[in-house]
PDB file of N, CA and C in Angstrom:
ATOM      1  N   MET A   1       1.156  10.719   3.244  1.00  0.00           N
ATOM      2  CA  MET A   1       1.823   9.639   3.940  1.00  0.00           C
ATOM      3  C   MET A   1       2.656   8.856   2.931  1.00  0.00           C
ATOM      4  N   ARG A   2       3.797   8.361   3.374  1.00  0.00           N
ATOM      5  CA  ARG A   2       4.662   7.552   2.518  1.00  0.00           C
ATOM      6  C   ARG A   2       4.000   6.219   2.173  1.00  0.00           C
ATOM      7  N   LEU A   3       4.303   5.726   1.000  1.00  0.00           N
ATOM      8  CA  LEU A   3       3.733   4.466   0.526  1.00  0.00           C
ATOM      9  C   LEU A   3       4.065   3.305   1.447  1.00  0.00           C
ATOM     10  N   ASP A   4       5.336   3.181   1.865  1.00  0.00           N
ATOM     11  CA  ASP A   4       5.714   2.049   2.711  1.00  0.00           C
ATOM     12  C   ASP A   4       4.983   2.079   4.047  1.00  0.00           C
ATOM     13  N   LYS A   5       4.780   3.260   4.603  1.00  0.00           N
ATOM     14  CA  LYS A   5       4.065   3.356   5.876  1.00  0.00           C
ATOM     15  C   LYS A   5       2.588   3.022   5.693  1.00  0.00           C
ATOM     16  N   PHE A   6       1.986   3.476   4.594  1.00  0.00           N
ATOM     17  CA  PHE A   6       0.579   3.156   4.342  1.00  0.00           C
ATOM     18  C   PHE A   6       0.372   1.649   4.216  1.00  0.00           C
ATOM     19  N   LEU A   7       1.275   0.979   3.501  1.00  0.00           N
ATOM     20  CA  LEU A   7       1.150  -0.470   3.332  1.00  0.00           C
ATOM     21  C   LEU A   7       1.211  -1.191   4.670  1.00  0.00           C
ATOM     22  N   LYS A   8       2.041  -0.691   5.584  1.00  0.00           N
ATOM     23  CA  LYS A   8       2.144  -1.297   6.912  1.00  0.00           C
ATOM     24  C   LYS A   8       0.905  -0.992   7.759  1.00  0.00           C
ATOM     25  N   VAL A   9       0.496   0.276   7.802  1.00  0.00           N
ATOM     26  CA  VAL A   9      -0.645   0.674   8.639  1.00  0.00           C
ATOM     27  C   VAL A   9      -1.930  -0.009   8.167  1.00  0.00           C
ATOM     28  N   SER A  10      -2.098  -0.131   6.854  1.00  0.00           N
ATOM     29  CA  SER A  10      -3.307  -0.755   6.315  1.00  0.00           C
ATOM     30  C   SER A  10      -3.246  -2.279   6.372  1.00  0.00           C
ATOM     31  N   ARG A  11      -2.097  -2.816   6.767  1.00  0.00           N
ATOM     32  CA  ARG A  11      -1.868  -4.247   6.900  1.00  0.00           C
ATOM     33  C   ARG A  11      -1.926  -5.003   5.577  1.00  0.00           C
ATOM     34  N   LEU A  12      -1.679  -4.288   4.477  1.00  0.00           N
ATOM     35  CA  LEU A  12      -1.537  -4.966   3.184  1.00  0.00           C
ATOM     36  C   LEU A  12      -0.221  -5.731   3.153  1.00  0.00           C
ATOM     37  N   ILE A  13       0.811  -5.164   3.795  1.00  0.00           N
ATOM     38  CA  ILE A  13       2.094  -5.831   3.984  1.00  0.00           C
ATOM     39  C   ILE A  13       2.419  -5.731   5.470  1.00  0.00           C
ATOM     40  N   LYS A  14       2.882  -6.826   6.058  1.00  0.00           N
ATOM     41  CA  LYS A  14       3.035  -6.905   7.512  1.00  0.00           C
ATOM     42  C   LYS A  14       4.057  -5.939   8.106  1.00  0.00           C
ATOM     43  N   ARG A  15       5.224  -5.811   7.454  1.00  0.00           N
ATOM     44  CA  ARG A  15       6.293  -4.974   8.030  1.00  0.00           C
ATOM     45  C   ARG A  15       6.733  -3.910   7.050  1.00  0.00           C
ATOM     46  N   ARG A  16       7.174  -2.782   7.584  1.00  0.00           N
ATOM     47  CA  ARG A  16       7.589  -1.662   6.746  1.00  0.00           C
ATOM     48  C   ARG A  16       8.843  -1.996   5.940  1.00  0.00           C
ATOM     49  N   THR A  17       9.742  -2.790   6.524  1.00  0.00           N
ATOM     50  CA  THR A  17      10.951  -3.159   5.779  1.00  0.00           C
ATOM     51  C   THR A  17      10.604  -4.043   4.581  1.00  0.00           C
ATOM     52  N   VAL A  18       9.620  -4.910   4.736  1.00  0.00           N
ATOM     53  CA  VAL A  18       9.177  -5.757   3.632  1.00  0.00           C
ATOM     54  C   VAL A  18       8.510  -4.887   2.558  1.00  0.00           C
ATOM     55  N   ALA A  19       7.763  -3.875   2.988  1.00  0.00           N
ATOM     56  CA  ALA A  19       7.141  -2.941   2.046  1.00  0.00           C
ATOM     57  C   ALA A  19       8.216  -2.188   1.264  1.00  0.00           C
ATOM     58  N   ASN A  20       9.282  -1.771   1.965  1.00  0.00           N
ATOM     59  CA  ASN A  20      10.401  -1.093   1.305  1.00  0.00           C
ATOM     60  C   ASN A  20      11.033  -1.983   0.247  1.00  0.00           C
ATOM     61  N   GLU A  21      11.262  -3.252   0.591  1.00  0.00           N
ATOM     62  CA  GLU A  21      11.888  -4.191  -0.339  1.00  0.00           C
ATOM     63  C   GLU A  21      11.001  -4.428  -1.559  1.00  0.00           C
ATOM     64  N   ALA A  22       9.684  -4.519  -1.355  1.00  0.00           N
ATOM     65  CA  ALA A  22       8.755  -4.718  -2.475  1.00  0.00           C
ATOM     66  C   ALA A  22       8.785  -3.509  -3.411  1.00  0.00           C
ATOM     67  N   CYS A  23       8.857  -2.324  -2.849  1.00  0.00           N
ATOM     68  CA  CYS A  23       8.924  -1.099  -3.666  1.00  0.00           C
ATOM     69  C   CYS A  23      10.240  -1.047  -4.437  1.00  0.00           C
ATOM     70  N   ASP A  24      11.333  -1.373  -3.774  1.00  0.00           N
ATOM     71  CA  ASP A  24      12.644  -1.347  -4.431  1.00  0.00           C
ATOM     72  C   ASP A  24      12.725  -2.358  -5.575  1.00  0.00           C
ATOM     73  N   ALA A  25      12.009  -3.477  -5.438  1.00  0.00           N
ATOM     74  CA  ALA A  25      12.022  -4.517  -6.469  1.00  0.00           C
ATOM     75  C   ALA A  25      11.077  -4.190  -7.625  1.00  0.00           C
ATOM     76  N   GLY A  26      10.312  -3.104  -7.509  1.00  0.00           N
ATOM     77  CA  GLY A  26       9.398  -2.699  -8.576  1.00  0.00           C
ATOM     78  C   GLY A  26       8.107  -3.467  -8.610  1.00  0.00           C
ATOM     79  N   ARG A  27       7.729  -4.069  -7.479  1.00  0.00           N
ATOM     80  CA  ARG A  27       6.502  -4.868  -7.427  1.00  0.00           C
ATOM     81  C   ARG A  27       5.294  -4.077  -6.958  1.00  0.00           C
ATOM     82  N   VAL A  28       5.450  -2.766  -6.713  1.00  0.00           N
ATOM     83  CA  VAL A  28       4.340  -1.940  -6.257  1.00  0.00           C
ATOM     84  C   VAL A  28       4.124  -0.814  -7.268  1.00  0.00           C
ATOM     85  N   LEU A  29       2.878  -0.684  -7.735  1.00  0.00           N
ATOM     86  CA  LEU A  29       2.516   0.370  -8.679  1.00  0.00           C
ATOM     87  C   LEU A  29       1.506   1.301  -8.014  1.00  0.00           C
ATOM     88  N   VAL A  30       1.652   2.592  -8.248  1.00  0.00           N
ATOM     89  CA  VAL A  30       0.675   3.576  -7.774  1.00  0.00           C
ATOM     90  C   VAL A  30       0.159   4.301  -9.001  1.00  0.00           C
ATOM     91  N   ASN A  31      -1.142   4.201  -9.240  1.00  0.00           N
ATOM     92  CA  ASN A  31      -1.785   4.799 -10.413  1.00  0.00           C
ATOM     93  C   ASN A  31      -1.099   4.367 -11.718  1.00  0.00           C
ATOM     94  N   GLY A  32      -0.676   3.101 -11.782  1.00  0.00           N
ATOM     95  CA  GLY A  32      -0.093   2.552 -12.992  1.00  0.00           C
ATOM     96  C   GLY A  32       1.395   2.778 -13.175  1.00  0.00           C
ATOM     97  N   ASN A  33       2.031   3.488 -12.248  1.00  0.00           N
ATOM     98  CA  ASN A  33       3.463   3.759 -12.349  1.00  0.00           C
ATOM     99  C   ASN A  33       4.224   3.038 -11.246  1.00  0.00           C
ATOM    100  N   VAL A  34       5.408   2.509 -11.581  1.00  0.00           N
ATOM    101  CA  VAL A  34       6.247   1.877 -10.567  1.00  0.00           C
ATOM    102  C   VAL A  34       6.582   2.935  -9.520  1.00  0.00           C
ATOM    103  N   ALA A  35       6.419   2.578  -8.238  1.00  0.00           N
ATOM    104  CA  ALA A  35       6.558   3.566  -7.164  1.00  0.00           C
ATOM    105  C   ALA A  35       7.677   3.202  -6.208  1.00  0.00           C
ATOM    106  N   LYS A  36       8.381   4.220  -5.757  1.00  0.00           N
ATOM    107  CA  LYS A  36       9.371   4.044  -4.698  1.00  0.00           C
ATOM    108  C   LYS A  36       8.646   4.113  -3.363  1.00  0.00           C
ATOM    109  N   ALA A  37       9.321   3.704  -2.298  1.00  0.00           N
ATOM    110  CA  ALA A  37       8.726   3.688  -0.960  1.00  0.00           C
ATOM    111  C   ALA A  37       8.387   5.090  -0.475  1.00  0.00           C
ATOM    112  N   SER A  38       9.053   6.107  -1.013  1.00  0.00           N
ATOM    113  CA  SER A  38       8.867   7.478  -0.526  1.00  0.00           C
ATOM    114  C   SER A  38       7.739   8.228  -1.223  1.00  0.00           C
ATOM    115  N   VAL A  39       7.034   7.591  -2.161  1.00  0.00           N
ATOM    116  CA  VAL A  39       5.942   8.257  -2.873  1.00  0.00           C
ATOM    117  C   VAL A  39       4.850   8.638  -1.877  1.00  0.00           C
ATOM    118  N   LYS A  40       4.331   9.862  -2.019  1.00  0.00           N
ATOM    119  CA  LYS A  40       3.256  10.328  -1.141  1.00  0.00           C
ATOM    120  C   LYS A  40       1.923   9.780  -1.635  1.00  0.00           C
ATOM    121  N   ILE A  41       1.188   9.133  -0.742  1.00  0.00           N
ATOM    122  CA  ILE A  41      -0.108   8.541  -1.052  1.00  0.00           C
ATOM    123  C   ILE A  41      -1.203   9.506  -0.632  1.00  0.00           C
ATOM    124  N   LYS A  42      -2.248   9.606  -1.468  1.00  0.00           N
ATOM    125  CA  LYS A  42      -3.398  10.433  -1.109  1.00  0.00           C
ATOM    126  C   LYS A  42      -4.678   9.643  -1.371  1.00  0.00           C
ATOM    127  N   VAL A  43      -5.780  10.107  -0.829  1.00  0.00           N
ATOM    128  CA  VAL A  43      -7.061   9.422  -0.981  1.00  0.00           C
ATOM    129  C   VAL A  43      -7.422   9.365  -2.460  1.00  0.00           C
ATOM    130  N   GLY A  44      -7.856   8.201  -2.915  1.00  0.00           N
ATOM    131  CA  GLY A  44      -8.236   8.009  -4.305  1.00  0.00           C
ATOM    132  C   GLY A  44      -7.174   7.331  -5.147  1.00  0.00           C
ATOM    133  N   ASP A  45      -5.936   7.235  -4.650  1.00  0.00           N
ATOM    134  CA  ASP A  45      -4.874   6.565  -5.382  1.00  0.00           C
ATOM    135  C   ASP A  45      -5.172   5.073  -5.500  1.00  0.00           C
ATOM    136  N   ILE A  46      -4.725   4.480  -6.602  1.00  0.00           N
ATOM    137  CA  ILE A  46      -4.886   3.040  -6.805  1.00  0.00           C
ATOM    138  C   ILE A  46      -3.516   2.386  -6.699  1.00  0.00           C
ATOM    139  N   ILE A  47      -3.416   1.413  -5.789  1.00  0.00           N
ATOM    140  CA  ILE A  47      -2.158   0.725  -5.530  1.00  0.00           C
ATOM    141  C   ILE A  47      -2.281  -0.715  -6.003  1.00  0.00           C
ATOM    142  N   GLU A  48      -1.283  -1.177  -6.771  1.00  0.00           N
ATOM    143  CA  GLU A  48      -1.204  -2.571  -7.206  1.00  0.00           C
ATOM    144  C   GLU A  48       0.036  -3.194  -6.604  1.00  0.00           C
ATOM    145  N   ILE A  49      -0.128  -4.335  -5.955  1.00  0.00           N
ATOM    146  CA  ILE A  49       1.001  -5.045  -5.346  1.00  0.00           C
ATOM    147  C   ILE A  49       1.068  -6.437  -5.952  1.00  0.00           C
ATOM    148  N   GLN A  50       2.247  -6.828  -6.424  1.00  0.00           N
ATOM    149  CA  GLN A  50       2.430  -8.145  -7.018  1.00  0.00           C
ATOM    150  C   GLN A  50       3.055  -9.071  -5.982  1.00  0.00           C
ATOM    151  N   PHE A  51       2.277 -10.074  -5.569  1.00  0.00           N
ATOM    152  CA  PHE A  51       2.748 -11.105  -4.637  1.00  0.00           C
ATOM    153  C   PHE A  51       2.980 -12.378  -5.436  1.00  0.00           C
ATOM    154  N   GLY A  52       4.175 -12.575  -5.963  1.00  0.00           N
ATOM    155  CA  GLY A  52       4.455 -13.762  -6.770  1.00  0.00           C
ATOM    156  C   GLY A  52       3.585 -13.773  -8.009  1.00  0.00           C
ATOM    157  N   THR A  53       2.674 -14.742  -8.118  1.00  0.00           N
ATOM    158  CA  THR A  53       1.803 -14.831  -9.286  1.00  0.00           C
ATOM    159  C   THR A  53       0.494 -14.075  -9.089  1.00  0.00           C
ATOM    160  N   ARG A  54       0.210 -13.664  -7.864  1.00  0.00           N
ATOM    161  CA  ARG A  54      -1.042 -12.980  -7.540  1.00  0.00           C
ATOM    162  C   ARG A  54      -0.832 -11.465  -7.507  1.00  0.00           C
ATOM    163  N   THR A  55      -1.817 -10.711  -7.971  1.00  0.00           N
ATOM    164  CA  THR A  55      -1.760  -9.255  -7.917  1.00  0.00           C
ATOM    165  C   THR A  55      -2.946  -8.748  -7.111  1.00  0.00           C
ATOM    166  N   VAL A  56      -2.669  -7.834  -6.187  1.00  0.00           N
ATOM    167  CA  VAL A  56      -3.718  -7.217  -5.373  1.00  0.00           C
ATOM    168  C   VAL A  56      -3.838  -5.764  -5.788  1.00  0.00           C
ATOM    169  N   LYS A  57      -5.075  -5.334  -6.069  1.00  0.00           N
ATOM    170  CA  LYS A  57      -5.317  -3.960  -6.504  1.00  0.00           C
ATOM    171  C   LYS A  57      -6.317  -3.324  -5.531  1.00  0.00           C
ATOM    172  N   VAL A  58      -5.931  -2.188  -4.950  1.00  0.00           N
ATOM    173  CA  VAL A  58      -6.789  -1.522  -3.965  1.00  0.00           C
ATOM    174  C   VAL A  58      -6.860  -0.023  -4.253  1.00  0.00           C
ATOM    175  N   ARG A  59      -7.953   0.602  -3.774  1.00  0.00           N
ATOM    176  CA  ARG A  59      -8.108   2.052  -3.839  1.00  0.00           C
ATOM    177  C   ARG A  59      -8.025   2.601  -2.418  1.00  0.00           C
ATOM    178  N   VAL A  60      -7.255   3.665  -2.223  1.00  0.00           N
ATOM    179  CA  VAL A  60      -7.088   4.279  -0.905  1.00  0.00           C
ATOM    180  C   VAL A  60      -8.356   5.072  -0.573  1.00  0.00           C
ATOM    181  N   LEU A  61      -8.977   4.759   0.572  1.00  0.00           N
ATOM    182  CA  LEU A  61     -10.182   5.452   1.011  1.00  0.00           C
ATOM    183  C   LEU A  61      -9.910   6.452   2.117  1.00  0.00           C
ATOM    184  N   ASP A  62      -8.912   6.173   2.942  1.00  0.00           N
ATOM    185  CA  ASP A  62      -8.608   7.025   4.090  1.00  0.00           C
ATOM    186  C   ASP A  62      -7.142   6.847   4.451  1.00  0.00           C
ATOM    187  N   ILE A  63      -6.586   7.867   5.095  1.00  0.00           N
ATOM    188  CA  ILE A  63      -5.187   7.803   5.524  1.00  0.00           C
ATOM    189  C   ILE A  63      -5.128   8.139   7.011  1.00  0.00           C
ATOM    190  N   GLN A  64      -4.550   7.230   7.797  1.00  0.00           N
ATOM    191  CA  GLN A  64      -4.373   7.448   9.232  1.00  0.00           C
ATOM    192  C   GLN A  64      -2.985   6.976   9.621  1.00  0.00           C
ATOM    193  N   ASN A  65      -2.412   7.618  10.653  1.00  0.00           N
ATOM    194  CA  ASN A  65      -1.068   7.245  11.087  1.00  0.00           C
ATOM    195  C   ASN A  65      -1.036   5.917  11.817  1.00  0.00           C
ATOM    196  N   THR A  66      -2.066   5.616  12.572  1.00  0.00           N
ATOM    197  CA  THR A  66      -2.157   4.334  13.269  1.00  0.00           C
ATOM    198  C   THR A  66      -3.597   3.853  13.220  1.00  0.00           C
ATOM    199  N   THR A  67      -3.774   2.540  13.223  1.00  0.00           N
ATOM    200  CA  THR A  67      -5.118   1.965  13.265  1.00  0.00           C
ATOM    201  C   THR A  67      -5.082   0.668  14.043  1.00  0.00           C
ATOM    202  N   LYS A  68      -6.247   0.268  14.505  1.00  0.00           N
ATOM    203  CA  LYS A  68      -6.385  -1.056  15.111  1.00  0.00           C
ATOM    204  C   LYS A  68      -6.575  -2.060  13.983  1.00  0.00           C
ATOM    205  N   LYS A  69      -6.326  -3.310  14.285  1.00  0.00           N
ATOM    206  CA  LYS A  69      -6.398  -4.356  13.272  1.00  0.00           C
ATOM    207  C   LYS A  69      -7.768  -4.403  12.591  1.00  0.00           C
ATOM    208  N   GLU A  70      -8.832  -4.244  13.362  1.00  0.00           N
ATOM    209  CA  GLU A  70     -10.183  -4.318  12.822  1.00  0.00           C
ATOM    210  C   GLU A  70     -10.488  -3.139  11.900  1.00  0.00           C
ATOM    211  N   ALA A  71      -9.933  -1.966  12.208  1.00  0.00           N
ATOM    212  CA  ALA A  71     -10.219  -0.750  11.435  1.00  0.00           C
ATOM    213  C   ALA A  71      -9.325  -0.610  10.209  1.00  0.00           C
ATOM    214  N   ALA A  72      -8.299  -1.427  10.090  1.00  0.00           N
ATOM    215  CA  ALA A  72      -7.353  -1.301   8.979  1.00  0.00           C
ATOM    216  C   ALA A  72      -8.024  -1.550   7.632  1.00  0.00           C
ATOM    217  N   LYS A  73      -9.032  -2.409   7.579  1.00  0.00           N
ATOM    218  CA  LYS A  73      -9.709  -2.718   6.322  1.00  0.00           C
ATOM    219  C   LYS A  73     -10.522  -1.547   5.795  1.00  0.00           C
ATOM    220  N   GLU A  74     -10.794  -0.558   6.645  1.00  0.00           N
ATOM    221  CA  GLU A  74     -11.565   0.610   6.216  1.00  0.00           C
ATOM    222  C   GLU A  74     -10.694   1.653   5.516  1.00  0.00           C
ATOM    223  N   LEU A  75      -9.381   1.439   5.477  1.00  0.00           N
ATOM    224  CA  LEU A  75      -8.488   2.391   4.823  1.00  0.00           C
ATOM    225  C   LEU A  75      -8.422   2.191   3.315  1.00  0.00           C
ATOM    226  N   PHE A  76      -8.898   1.034   2.832  1.00  0.00           N
ATOM    227  CA  PHE A  76      -8.821   0.740   1.389  1.00  0.00           C
ATOM    228  C   PHE A  76      -9.973  -0.162   0.998  1.00  0.00           C
ATOM    229  N   GLU A  77     -10.214  -0.247  -0.332  1.00  0.00           N
ATOM    230  CA  GLU A  77     -11.180  -1.206  -0.870  1.00  0.00           C
ATOM    231  C   GLU A  77     -10.530  -1.972  -1.996  1.00  0.00           C
ATOM    232  N   TYR A  78     -10.826  -3.270  -2.061  1.00  0.00           N
ATOM    233  CA  TYR A  78     -10.273  -4.113  -3.114  1.00  0.00           C
ATOM    234  C   TYR A  78     -10.997  -3.818  -4.424  1.00  0.00           C
ATOM    235  N   LEU A  79     -10.244  -3.830  -5.520  1.00  0.00           N
ATOM    236  CA  LEU A  79     -10.826  -3.615  -6.849  1.00  0.00           C
ATOM    237  C   LEU A  79     -10.794  -4.903  -7.644  1.00  0.00           C
TER     238      LEU A  79
END
C-alpha cells in the first residue's frame, strides 16, 4: 500500500492530500529514510512523522484498504 494512503486509512493524518504534502516536504521518514508518498509500506516498517516540534513514531502492524474509526488504531503501535 502507498504511504499516503496508509497514513489516511490509519488516521495518522486526516486527509490524503495533507499526507502527500507532508511527504513532499520531507517530514515523513520510513525506516529512517525520507519517503515519498508513493513508497510501498509493509508490515513491520517504522514511520516517523514530524508535526512541527513534535515527532510521532509508529510501527506498522497491519495493512487494510479501509477501516472503521475504532479499528484504525489496530493498524499501528506507537513507539
